[in-house]
């Protein structure tokens, strides 16, 4: 997360650096187990029945700090071939912006794709990437 007070104070780039978080997802297609760990805490540890061979997509959302929603979207199939179109659909609906194309995985914060976040050096500026 960026530091909103630093941005409001006119700081830029690394001066706006807030807190960093770690999200780890492990998905075993053999056992059907999906585990998500956020900052060392297990968010979910789910077991899907192996009898349902169609489990090719997983998504899970959770609250962070009581005011932000994180969501992981993962697809068992890889990125489509060039020219093949698929949409990335989440609990927020179809993701807008450059990330709306299909990806094997995505992490969203309040509905914004990780792939759409600005670079740290651009925090507090009007530049996007």
Protein backbone atom coordinates (compact mmCIF):
# COMPACT_ATOMS: atom_id res chain seq x y z
CA UNK A 1 0.00 0.00 0.00
CA UNK A 2 1.17 3.53 -0.67
CA UNK A 3 1.27 6.07 2.15
CA UNK A 4 -1.71 8.42 1.57
CA UNK A 5 -0.39 11.05 3.99
CA UNK A 6 2.94 11.21 2.13
CA UNK A 7 1.13 11.60 -1.19
CA UNK A 8 -1.09 14.34 0.31
CA UNK A 9 2.06 16.08 1.57
CA UNK A 10 3.38 16.21 -2.01
CA UNK A 11 6.05 13.53 -1.69
CA UNK A 12 6.85 11.44 -4.73
CA UNK A 13 8.33 8.04 -5.59
CA UNK A 14 9.92 6.12 -2.74
CA UNK A 15 8.88 8.89 -0.34
CA UNK A 16 5.31 7.58 -0.72
CA UNK A 17 6.23 4.01 0.09
CA UNK A 18 3.82 2.57 2.61
CA UNK A 19 3.51 -1.05 3.68
CA UNK A 20 4.36 -4.15 1.66
CA UNK A 21 2.46 -7.40 1.90
CA UNK A 22 3.14 -10.98 0.86
CA UNK A 23 0.48 -13.25 -0.65
CA UNK A 24 1.27 -16.91 -1.36
CA UNK A 25 -1.13 -19.25 -3.14
CA UNK A 26 -0.57 -22.98 -3.44
CA UNK A 27 -2.98 -24.98 -5.59
CA UNK A 28 -2.59 -28.75 -5.98
CA UNK A 29 -4.66 -30.14 -8.82
CA UNK A 30 -3.85 -33.66 -7.62
CA UNK A 31 -5.11 -33.32 -4.02
CA UNK A 32 -7.60 -30.54 -4.74
CA UNK A 33 -6.15 -28.35 -1.98
CA UNK A 34 -5.90 -24.57 -2.30
CA UNK A 35 -4.12 -22.56 0.38
CA UNK A 36 -3.70 -18.79 0.50
CA UNK A 37 -1.36 -17.19 3.00
CA UNK A 38 -1.32 -13.41 3.50
CA UNK A 39 1.52 -11.96 5.59
CA UNK A 40 2.11 -15.34 7.23
CA UNK A 41 -1.56 -15.91 8.15
CA UNK A 42 -3.63 -18.62 6.46
CA UNK A 43 -6.55 -16.90 4.72
CA UNK A 44 -8.07 -20.10 3.35
CA UNK A 45 -7.21 -23.77 3.15
CA UNK A 46 -9.85 -25.34 0.93
CA UNK A 47 -10.18 -28.87 -0.37
CA UNK A 48 -12.06 -29.45 -3.61
CA UNK A 49 -13.29 -32.90 -4.50
CA UNK A 50 -11.16 -34.62 -7.13
CA UNK A 51 -14.35 -36.18 -8.49
CA UNK A 52 -15.13 -32.88 -10.21
CA UNK A 53 -12.61 -32.68 -13.02
CA UNK A 54 -13.88 -29.25 -14.10
CA UNK A 55 -12.11 -27.40 -11.27
CA UNK A 56 -10.05 -25.25 -13.60
CA UNK A 57 -10.73 -21.89 -11.95
CA UNK A 58 -10.38 -20.62 -8.39
CA UNK A 59 -11.00 -17.25 -6.86
CA UNK A 60 -11.14 -16.10 -3.26
CA UNK A 61 -11.56 -12.65 -1.71
CA UNK A 62 -10.80 -11.44 1.81
CA UNK A 63 -10.65 -8.19 3.74
CA UNK A 64 -7.33 -6.56 4.65
CA UNK A 65 -7.20 -4.16 7.58
CA UNK A 66 -10.97 -3.91 7.64
CA UNK A 67 -11.10 -1.50 4.70
CA UNK A 68 -9.53 -3.12 1.63
CA UNK A 69 -10.50 -6.22 -0.30
CA UNK A 70 -7.90 -8.52 -1.84
CA UNK A 71 -8.86 -11.18 -4.32
CA UNK A 72 -6.91 -13.92 -6.05
CA UNK A 73 -8.13 -15.27 -9.38
CA UNK A 74 -6.34 -18.35 -10.73
CA UNK A 75 -6.94 -20.49 -13.79
CA UNK A 76 -5.60 -24.00 -14.27
CA UNK A 77 -5.08 -23.41 -17.97
CA UNK A 78 -2.26 -21.18 -19.11
CA UNK A 79 -2.34 -17.93 -21.00
CA UNK A 80 -4.19 -18.27 -24.33
CA UNK A 81 -2.37 -18.44 -27.63
CA UNK A 82 -1.84 -15.24 -29.58
CA UNK A 83 -5.09 -14.10 -31.15
CA UNK A 84 -7.25 -16.18 -28.79
CA UNK A 85 -9.43 -13.94 -26.60
CA UNK A 86 -10.58 -14.68 -23.06
CA UNK A 87 -11.78 -12.28 -20.37
CA UNK A 88 -10.65 -12.19 -16.76
CA UNK A 89 -13.82 -12.23 -14.66
CA UNK A 90 -13.69 -11.64 -10.91
CA UNK A 91 -16.15 -11.01 -8.10
CA UNK A 92 -15.97 -7.36 -9.25
CA UNK A 93 -17.09 -8.34 -12.77
CA UNK A 94 -14.89 -8.12 -15.84
CA UNK A 95 -11.67 -6.36 -14.84
CA UNK A 96 -11.22 -3.09 -16.72
CA UNK A 97 -8.06 -1.42 -17.94
CA UNK A 98 -5.06 -3.11 -19.51
CA UNK A 99 -5.46 -6.21 -17.30
CA UNK A 100 -8.81 -7.23 -18.77
CA UNK A 101 -7.19 -9.89 -20.91
CA UNK A 102 -7.03 -13.41 -19.54
CA UNK A 103 -4.12 -14.33 -17.28
CA UNK A 104 -3.31 -17.54 -15.50
CA UNK A 105 -3.45 -15.63 -12.21
CA UNK A 106 -4.16 -12.17 -10.89
CA UNK A 107 -4.22 -10.40 -7.54
CA UNK A 108 -6.71 -7.58 -7.13
CA UNK A 109 -6.79 -4.87 -4.48
CA UNK A 110 -10.18 -3.15 -4.23
CA UNK A 111 -10.92 -4.40 -7.74
CA UNK A 112 -7.68 -3.13 -9.32
CA UNK A 113 -5.36 -5.69 -10.88
CA UNK A 114 -1.80 -5.98 -9.60
CA UNK A 115 -0.78 -5.62 -13.24
CA UNK A 116 -2.36 -2.13 -13.32
CA UNK A 117 -0.57 -0.80 -10.21
CA UNK A 118 1.82 2.05 -10.89
CA UNK A 119 5.51 1.54 -10.33
CA UNK A 120 6.85 2.71 -6.98
CA UNK A 121 8.93 5.42 -8.65
CA UNK A 122 5.68 6.95 -10.00
CA UNK A 123 3.83 7.16 -6.68
CA UNK A 124 2.57 10.70 -6.09
CA UNK A 125 2.98 11.66 -9.76
CA UNK A 126 0.50 11.74 -12.62
CA UNK A 127 2.48 9.08 -14.50
CA UNK A 128 0.80 5.70 -14.52
CA UNK A 129 3.66 3.33 -15.31
